[in-house]
Amino acid sequence: MNFSHIRWLDEKGQVKPPIYLYGMLIFLARGWCIWIASLTQANDRAGLVSLFYPHKADFIMSLIAGLGAVFIYIVVIAERKRSPEWFRIPFGQIKWMLLGLLLLDGGLLISRIVNSYYLYSWSTGLDALLLFWSTLYLVKSKRLSLYLSDWK
């Protein structure tokens, strides 16, 4: 059977992970991404981190919250290989795990807003916008639902 005209299926006929899922995982694990990028700065490793997270506690909370996104990324990679089989159990719960991570990230965002005495900053506005879009995508995306029901 030829699936070349359907772009969201791979050569085996399995649903490919949506690119927006990867974007959502990068957004949720942004603390880890910033930390990894800061390791490339030889002269001032803390400079890049302090640009995005002026308070050390915010950065550490972002790393803790991002652990779930890193785990979901590992589960998505395991799904692509279809092994090990025990990853099927968490794969079936990805939607709920993502919703929990988005709620946790929303709580951290509210905490940052309160700690900054409700002053607007570009980072909190962008985080709120991406949080809203990610939640809307998680709830409304048919392709994500197809992908999550593929490995059962």
N, C-alpha and C. Protein backbone atom coordinates (compact mmCIF):
# COMPACT_ATOMS: atom_id res chain seq x y z
N MET A 1 0.84 -1.18 0.00
CA MET A 1 0.00 0.00 0.00
C MET A 1 0.88 1.24 0.00
N ASN A 2 0.53 2.24 -0.77
CA ASN A 2 1.33 3.44 -0.92
C ASN A 2 0.75 4.56 -0.05
N PHE A 3 1.55 5.02 0.92
CA PHE A 3 1.12 6.09 1.81
C PHE A 3 1.84 7.40 1.50
N SER A 4 2.41 7.56 0.31
CA SER A 4 3.23 8.73 0.02
C SER A 4 2.42 10.02 -0.03
N HIS A 5 1.14 9.96 -0.33
CA HIS A 5 0.32 11.16 -0.40
C HIS A 5 -0.16 11.61 0.99
N ILE A 6 -0.01 10.79 2.00
CA ILE A 6 -0.39 11.15 3.36
C ILE A 6 0.89 11.47 4.12
N ARG A 7 1.08 12.72 4.45
CA ARG A 7 2.34 13.17 5.06
C ARG A 7 2.45 12.85 6.54
N TRP A 8 1.38 12.57 7.23
CA TRP A 8 1.46 12.33 8.66
C TRP A 8 1.62 10.86 9.01
N LEU A 9 1.82 10.01 7.98
CA LEU A 9 2.14 8.61 8.21
C LEU A 9 3.57 8.35 7.75
N ASP A 10 4.26 7.46 8.46
CA ASP A 10 5.61 7.11 8.04
C ASP A 10 5.56 5.94 7.06
N GLU A 11 6.72 5.43 6.69
CA GLU A 11 6.79 4.36 5.70
C GLU A 11 6.19 3.04 6.18
N LYS A 12 6.03 2.90 7.49
CA LYS A 12 5.43 1.68 8.05
C LYS A 12 3.93 1.81 8.23
N GLY A 13 3.37 2.98 7.92
CA GLY A 13 1.94 3.21 8.10
C GLY A 13 1.57 3.65 9.49
N GLN A 14 2.55 4.02 10.31
CA GLN A 14 2.30 4.48 11.67
C GLN A 14 2.20 6.01 11.67
N VAL A 15 1.41 6.53 12.57
CA VAL A 15 1.25 7.97 12.68
C VAL A 15 2.52 8.58 13.26
N LYS A 16 3.07 9.58 12.55
CA LYS A 16 4.26 10.26 13.03
C LYS A 16 3.88 11.24 14.14
N PRO A 17 4.79 11.46 15.07
CA PRO A 17 4.50 12.45 16.11
C PRO A 17 4.36 13.84 15.48
N PRO A 18 3.36 14.59 15.89
CA PRO A 18 3.19 15.94 15.34
C PRO A 18 4.36 16.84 15.75
N ILE A 19 4.75 17.72 14.85
CA ILE A 19 5.87 18.63 15.13
C ILE A 19 5.52 19.55 16.30
N TYR A 20 4.24 19.86 16.46
CA TYR A 20 3.82 20.71 17.57
C TYR A 20 3.99 20.01 18.92
N LEU A 21 3.94 18.69 18.93
CA LEU A 21 4.22 17.96 20.16
C LEU A 21 5.67 18.19 20.58
N TYR A 22 6.57 18.13 19.63
CA TYR A 22 7.97 18.41 19.95
C TYR A 22 8.14 19.87 20.42
N GLY A 23 7.43 20.79 19.78
CA GLY A 23 7.50 22.18 20.21
C GLY A 23 6.98 22.37 21.63
N MET A 24 5.90 21.66 21.96
CA MET A 24 5.35 21.74 23.31
C MET A 24 6.33 21.17 24.32
N LEU A 25 7.00 20.08 23.95
CA LEU A 25 7.98 19.48 24.87
C LEU A 25 9.18 20.40 25.06
N ILE A 26 9.60 21.08 24.01
CA ILE A 26 10.70 22.04 24.14
C ILE A 26 10.28 23.20 25.04
N PHE A 27 9.03 23.65 24.86
CA PHE A 27 8.53 24.74 25.71
C PHE A 27 8.49 24.31 27.17
N LEU A 28 8.01 23.11 27.43
CA LEU A 28 7.90 22.65 28.82
C LEU A 28 9.27 22.35 29.43
N ALA A 29 10.24 21.97 28.59
CA ALA A 29 11.59 21.66 29.09
C ALA A 29 12.56 22.80 28.78
N ARG A 30 12.04 24.02 28.70
CA ARG A 30 12.90 25.15 28.31
C ARG A 30 14.01 25.40 29.32
N GLY A 31 13.79 25.08 30.58
CA GLY A 31 14.86 25.22 31.57
C GLY A 31 16.04 24.32 31.24
N TRP A 32 15.74 23.09 30.82
CA TRP A 32 16.80 22.16 30.43
C TRP A 32 17.50 22.63 29.16
N CYS A 33 16.72 23.17 28.21
CA CYS A 33 17.32 23.66 26.96
C CYS A 33 18.26 24.84 27.24
N ILE A 34 17.83 25.74 28.12
CA ILE A 34 18.66 26.90 28.47
C ILE A 34 19.90 26.44 29.23
N TRP A 35 19.75 25.47 30.11
CA TRP A 35 20.90 24.95 30.84
C TRP A 35 21.92 24.32 29.88
N ILE A 36 21.44 23.53 28.93
CA ILE A 36 22.34 22.90 27.95
C ILE A 36 23.02 23.97 27.09
N ALA A 37 22.26 24.98 26.69
CA ALA A 37 22.86 26.07 25.91
C ALA A 37 23.89 26.83 26.73
N SER A 38 23.65 26.97 28.03
CA SER A 38 24.61 27.69 28.87
C SER A 38 25.92 26.93 29.03
N LEU A 39 25.88 25.62 28.86
CA LEU A 39 27.11 24.84 28.96
C LEU A 39 28.08 25.14 27.82
N THR A 40 27.55 25.69 26.72
CA THR A 40 28.42 26.04 25.59
C THR A 40 29.15 27.36 25.80
N GLN A 41 28.71 28.15 26.78
CA GLN A 41 29.35 29.42 27.08
C GLN A 41 30.56 29.17 27.99
N ALA A 42 31.72 29.29 27.45
CA ALA A 42 32.92 28.98 28.23
C ALA A 42 33.25 30.05 29.27
N ASN A 43 32.99 31.31 28.96
CA ASN A 43 33.42 32.37 29.86
C ASN A 43 32.39 32.73 30.94
N ASP A 44 31.08 32.66 30.63
CA ASP A 44 30.06 33.04 31.61
C ASP A 44 28.86 32.11 31.47
N ARG A 45 28.91 31.00 32.18
CA ARG A 45 27.82 30.01 32.07
C ARG A 45 26.54 30.49 32.73
N ALA A 46 26.64 31.26 33.78
CA ALA A 46 25.45 31.71 34.50
C ALA A 46 24.80 32.91 33.82
N GLY A 47 25.49 33.55 32.89
CA GLY A 47 24.95 34.73 32.23
C GLY A 47 23.72 34.44 31.40
N LEU A 48 23.76 33.37 30.64
CA LEU A 48 22.62 33.00 29.80
C LEU A 48 21.44 32.57 30.66
N VAL A 49 21.70 31.83 31.71
CA VAL A 49 20.63 31.39 32.60
C VAL A 49 19.99 32.58 33.29
N SER A 50 20.80 33.53 33.76
CA SER A 50 20.25 34.69 34.45
C SER A 50 19.51 35.63 33.51
N LEU A 51 19.77 35.54 32.22
CA LEU A 51 19.01 36.33 31.26
C LEU A 51 17.55 35.89 31.22
N PHE A 52 17.32 34.58 31.26
CA PHE A 52 15.96 34.05 31.21
C PHE A 52 15.35 33.85 32.59
N TYR A 53 16.18 33.53 33.57
CA TYR A 53 15.71 33.28 34.94
C TYR A 53 16.52 34.13 35.90
N PRO A 54 16.06 35.36 36.19
CA PRO A 54 16.82 36.22 37.10
C PRO A 54 16.93 35.66 38.51
N HIS A 55 15.94 34.89 38.94
CA HIS A 55 15.96 34.29 40.27
C HIS A 55 16.33 32.82 40.15
N LYS A 56 17.25 32.41 40.98
CA LYS A 56 17.74 31.02 40.93
C LYS A 56 16.62 30.03 41.22
N ALA A 57 15.71 30.38 42.11
CA ALA A 57 14.61 29.48 42.46
C ALA A 57 13.71 29.21 41.26
N ASP A 58 13.49 30.24 40.43
CA ASP A 58 12.68 30.04 39.22
C ASP A 58 13.34 29.05 38.27
N PHE A 59 14.65 29.14 38.15
CA PHE A 59 15.38 28.24 37.26
C PHE A 59 15.31 26.80 37.78
N ILE A 60 15.49 26.62 39.06
CA ILE A 60 15.45 25.27 39.63
C ILE A 60 14.05 24.68 39.51
N MET A 61 13.02 25.49 39.74
CA MET A 61 11.64 25.00 39.58
C MET A 61 11.37 24.65 38.11
N SER A 62 11.94 25.40 37.19
CA SER A 62 11.77 25.09 35.77
C SER A 62 12.45 23.77 35.42
N LEU A 63 13.60 23.50 36.02
CA LEU A 63 14.27 22.22 35.79
C LEU A 63 13.45 21.06 36.34
N ILE A 64 12.88 21.25 37.52
CA ILE A 64 12.06 20.19 38.13
C ILE A 64 10.81 19.95 37.29
N ALA A 65 10.16 21.02 36.86
CA ALA A 65 8.95 20.87 36.04
C ALA A 65 9.28 20.28 34.67
N GLY A 66 10.47 20.56 34.17
CA GLY A 66 10.87 20.06 32.86
C GLY A 66 11.23 18.59 32.84
N LEU A 67 11.42 17.99 34.01
CA LEU A 67 11.73 16.55 34.06
C LEU A 67 10.62 15.71 33.44
N GLY A 68 9.37 16.12 33.64
CA GLY A 68 8.25 15.41 33.04
C GLY A 68 8.28 15.48 31.53
N ALA A 69 8.64 16.64 30.98
CA ALA A 69 8.73 16.79 29.53
C ALA A 69 9.87 15.94 28.96
N VAL A 70 10.97 15.85 29.69
CA VAL A 70 12.08 15.00 29.24
C VAL A 70 11.64 13.53 29.24
N PHE A 71 10.89 13.12 30.26
CA PHE A 71 10.38 11.75 30.31
C PHE A 71 9.43 11.48 29.15
N ILE A 72 8.54 12.43 28.86
CA ILE A 72 7.61 12.24 27.74
C ILE A 72 8.38 12.16 26.43
N TYR A 73 9.45 12.94 26.28
CA TYR A 73 10.26 12.86 25.07
C TYR A 73 10.87 11.46 24.93
N ILE A 74 11.33 10.89 26.02
CA ILE A 74 11.89 9.53 25.99
C ILE A 74 10.81 8.53 25.59
N VAL A 75 9.59 8.72 26.10
CA VAL A 75 8.48 7.83 25.74
C VAL A 75 8.15 7.96 24.25
N VAL A 76 8.18 9.17 23.71
CA VAL A 76 7.90 9.37 22.28
C VAL A 76 8.98 8.70 21.43
N ILE A 77 10.23 8.81 21.83
CA ILE A 77 11.31 8.14 21.11
C ILE A 77 11.13 6.63 21.18
N ALA A 78 10.73 6.11 22.34
CA ALA A 78 10.49 4.66 22.46
C ALA A 78 9.32 4.23 21.58
N GLU A 79 8.32 5.09 21.43
CA GLU A 79 7.19 4.75 20.56
C GLU A 79 7.63 4.65 19.12
N ARG A 80 8.53 5.50 18.70
CA ARG A 80 9.00 5.46 17.32
C ARG A 80 9.70 4.13 17.03
N LYS A 81 10.38 3.59 18.02
CA LYS A 81 11.07 2.32 17.85
C LYS A 81 10.18 1.14 18.21
N ARG A 82 9.03 1.43 18.85
CA ARG A 82 8.07 0.41 19.31
C ARG A 82 8.69 -0.56 20.30
N SER A 83 9.63 -0.09 21.07
CA SER A 83 10.22 -0.91 22.12
C SER A 83 10.80 0.01 23.19
N PRO A 84 10.93 -0.39 24.39
CA PRO A 84 10.43 -1.60 25.01
C PRO A 84 8.92 -1.53 25.21
N GLU A 85 8.34 -2.67 25.37
CA GLU A 85 6.88 -2.77 25.45
C GLU A 85 6.29 -2.09 26.67
N TRP A 86 7.05 -2.02 27.76
CA TRP A 86 6.48 -1.43 28.98
C TRP A 86 6.26 0.07 28.84
N PHE A 87 6.80 0.69 27.78
CA PHE A 87 6.54 2.12 27.54
C PHE A 87 5.13 2.37 27.02
N ARG A 88 4.39 1.31 26.69
CA ARG A 88 3.01 1.50 26.24
C ARG A 88 2.14 2.10 27.35
N ILE A 89 2.40 1.71 28.56
CA ILE A 89 1.58 2.19 29.68
C ILE A 89 1.71 3.71 29.83
N PRO A 90 2.93 4.29 29.93
CA PRO A 90 2.99 5.75 30.02
C PRO A 90 2.59 6.44 28.70
N PHE A 91 2.78 5.75 27.56
CA PHE A 91 2.41 6.37 26.29
C PHE A 91 0.90 6.63 26.23
N GLY A 92 0.13 5.73 26.78
CA GLY A 92 -1.32 5.93 26.79
C GLY A 92 -1.76 7.07 27.69
N GLN A 93 -0.89 7.52 28.56
CA GLN A 93 -1.22 8.60 29.50
C GLN A 93 -0.54 9.92 29.16
N ILE A 94 0.04 10.03 27.98
CA ILE A 94 0.78 11.25 27.63
C ILE A 94 -0.10 12.48 27.67
N LYS A 95 -1.33 12.38 27.20
CA LYS A 95 -2.20 13.56 27.17
C LYS A 95 -2.43 14.08 28.59
N TRP A 96 -2.65 13.18 29.54
CA TRP A 96 -2.87 13.59 30.92
C TRP A 96 -1.59 14.11 31.56
N MET A 97 -0.46 13.50 31.22
CA MET A 97 0.81 13.99 31.75
C MET A 97 1.10 15.39 31.21
N LEU A 98 0.84 15.62 29.92
CA LEU A 98 1.05 16.94 29.34
C LEU A 98 0.13 17.97 29.98
N LEU A 99 -1.12 17.59 30.22
CA LEU A 99 -2.04 18.51 30.87
C LEU A 99 -1.55 18.85 32.28
N GLY A 100 -1.07 17.86 33.01
CA GLY A 100 -0.52 18.11 34.34
C GLY A 100 0.70 19.02 34.29
N LEU A 101 1.56 18.80 33.31
CA LEU A 101 2.75 19.65 33.18
C LEU A 101 2.37 21.08 32.79
N LEU A 102 1.36 21.23 31.94
CA LEU A 102 0.91 22.57 31.58
C LEU A 102 0.29 23.28 32.78
N LEU A 103 -0.46 22.54 33.61
CA LEU A 103 -1.01 23.14 34.82
C LEU A 103 0.10 23.53 35.80
N LEU A 104 1.10 22.67 35.94
CA LEU A 104 2.25 22.99 36.80
C LEU A 104 2.99 24.22 36.28
N ASP A 105 3.19 24.28 34.97
CA ASP A 105 3.86 25.43 34.39
C ASP A 105 3.02 26.69 34.57
N GLY A 106 1.70 26.56 34.47
CA GLY A 106 0.83 27.71 34.72
C GLY A 106 0.93 28.18 36.17
N GLY A 107 1.02 27.24 37.09
CA GLY A 107 1.21 27.61 38.49
C GLY A 107 2.54 28.32 38.72
N LEU A 108 3.59 27.84 38.07
CA LEU A 108 4.89 28.50 38.19
C LEU A 108 4.86 29.89 37.56
N LEU A 109 4.12 30.03 36.47
CA LEU A 109 3.99 31.33 35.81
C LEU A 109 3.26 32.31 36.73
N ILE A 110 2.19 31.86 37.37
CA ILE A 110 1.47 32.73 38.31
C ILE A 110 2.38 33.11 39.47
N SER A 111 3.17 32.17 39.94
CA SER A 111 4.12 32.46 41.03
C SER A 111 5.14 33.52 40.60
N ARG A 112 5.65 33.39 39.38
CA ARG A 112 6.60 34.40 38.88
C ARG A 112 5.96 35.76 38.75
N ILE A 113 4.69 35.80 38.30
CA ILE A 113 3.99 37.08 38.15
C ILE A 113 3.78 37.72 39.52
N VAL A 114 3.38 36.93 40.50
CA VAL A 114 3.16 37.46 41.86
C VAL A 114 4.48 37.95 42.45
N ASN A 115 5.56 37.19 42.26
CA ASN A 115 6.86 37.59 42.82
C ASN A 115 7.44 38.82 42.14
N SER A 116 7.00 39.12 40.92
CA SER A 116 7.48 40.34 40.25
C SER A 116 6.52 41.50 40.47
N TYR A 117 5.62 41.36 41.45
CA TYR A 117 4.65 42.39 41.83
C TYR A 117 3.79 42.82 40.65
N TYR A 118 3.39 41.85 39.84
CA TYR A 118 2.46 42.02 38.73
C TYR A 118 2.97 42.96 37.64
N LEU A 119 4.28 43.13 37.55
CA LEU A 119 4.86 43.92 36.48
C LEU A 119 4.97 43.06 35.22
N TYR A 120 4.61 43.63 34.10
CA TYR A 120 4.65 42.88 32.85
C TYR A 120 6.08 42.78 32.35
N SER A 121 6.44 41.61 31.87
CA SER A 121 7.72 41.44 31.19
C SER A 121 7.48 40.59 29.95
N TRP A 122 8.35 40.71 28.98
CA TRP A 122 8.16 39.98 27.72
C TRP A 122 8.21 38.48 27.94
N SER A 123 9.00 38.02 28.88
CA SER A 123 9.11 36.58 29.09
C SER A 123 7.84 35.99 29.69
N THR A 124 7.21 36.70 30.63
CA THR A 124 5.97 36.17 31.20
C THR A 124 4.84 36.24 30.20
N GLY A 125 4.80 37.28 29.39
CA GLY A 125 3.77 37.38 28.35
C GLY A 125 3.91 36.29 27.31
N LEU A 126 5.15 36.03 26.89
CA LEU A 126 5.39 34.98 25.91
C LEU A 126 5.10 33.60 26.51
N ASP A 127 5.48 33.41 27.75
CA ASP A 127 5.18 32.13 28.42
C ASP A 127 3.67 31.92 28.53
N ALA A 128 2.94 32.96 28.88
CA ALA A 128 1.48 32.83 28.99
C ALA A 128 0.86 32.52 27.63
N LEU A 129 1.33 33.17 26.59
CA LEU A 129 0.81 32.92 25.25
C LEU A 129 1.10 31.49 24.80
N LEU A 130 2.32 31.03 24.99
CA LEU A 130 2.67 29.66 24.60
C LEU A 130 1.95 28.63 25.46
N LEU A 131 1.73 28.95 26.72
CA LEU A 131 0.97 28.06 27.59
C LEU A 131 -0.47 27.94 27.11
N PHE A 132 -1.07 29.05 26.73
CA PHE A 132 -2.43 29.04 26.20
C PHE A 132 -2.50 28.24 24.90
N TRP A 133 -1.58 28.49 23.97
CA TRP A 133 -1.59 27.77 22.69
C TRP A 133 -1.36 26.28 22.90
N SER A 134 -0.46 25.93 23.79
CA SER A 134 -0.18 24.52 24.05
C SER A 134 -1.40 23.81 24.63
N THR A 135 -2.08 24.47 25.55
CA THR A 135 -3.28 23.88 26.14
C THR A 135 -4.37 23.73 25.09
N LEU A 136 -4.54 24.74 24.27
CA LEU A 136 -5.54 24.67 23.21
C LEU A 136 -5.20 23.55 22.21
N TYR A 137 -3.93 23.41 21.87
CA TYR A 137 -3.51 22.35 20.96
C TYR A 137 -3.74 20.98 21.58
N LEU A 138 -3.43 20.84 22.83
CA LEU A 138 -3.61 19.56 23.52
C LEU A 138 -5.08 19.14 23.53
N VAL A 139 -5.97 20.09 23.72
CA VAL A 139 -7.39 19.78 23.82
C VAL A 139 -8.02 19.58 22.44
N LYS A 140 -7.63 20.36 21.43
CA LYS A 140 -8.34 20.38 20.16
C LYS A 140 -7.70 19.59 19.02
N SER A 141 -6.46 19.19 19.14
CA SER A 141 -5.77 18.59 18.00
C SER A 141 -6.25 17.16 17.72
N LYS A 142 -6.73 16.97 16.51
CA LYS A 142 -7.15 15.63 16.08
C LYS A 142 -5.94 14.77 15.75
N ARG A 143 -4.92 15.39 15.17
CA ARG A 143 -3.73 14.63 14.80
C ARG A 143 -2.99 14.11 16.04
N LEU A 144 -2.94 14.91 17.09
CA LEU A 144 -2.32 14.46 18.34
C LEU A 144 -3.13 13.30 18.92
N SER A 145 -4.44 13.39 18.86
CA SER A 145 -5.28 12.30 19.36
C SER A 145 -5.06 11.03 18.55
N LEU A 146 -4.93 11.17 17.23
CA LEU A 146 -4.64 9.99 16.38
C LEU A 146 -3.30 9.41 16.74
N TYR A 147 -2.31 10.27 16.95
CA TYR A 147 -0.97 9.78 17.29
C TYR A 147 -0.98 9.03 18.62
N LEU A 148 -1.69 9.59 19.60
CA LEU A 148 -1.70 8.97 20.92
C LEU A 148 -2.50 7.68 20.97
N SER A 149 -3.37 7.46 19.99
CA SER A 149 -4.13 6.21 19.95
C SER A 149 -3.50 5.19 19.00
N ASP A 150 -2.35 5.49 18.43
CA ASP A 150 -1.73 4.63 17.44
C ASP A 150 -1.05 3.39 18.05
N TRP A 151 -0.41 3.55 19.21
CA TRP A 151 0.37 2.43 19.79
C TRP A 151 -0.43 1.82 20.94
N LYS A 152 -1.40 1.03 20.57
CA LYS A 152 -2.22 0.37 21.61
C LYS A 152 -2.27 -1.11 21.38
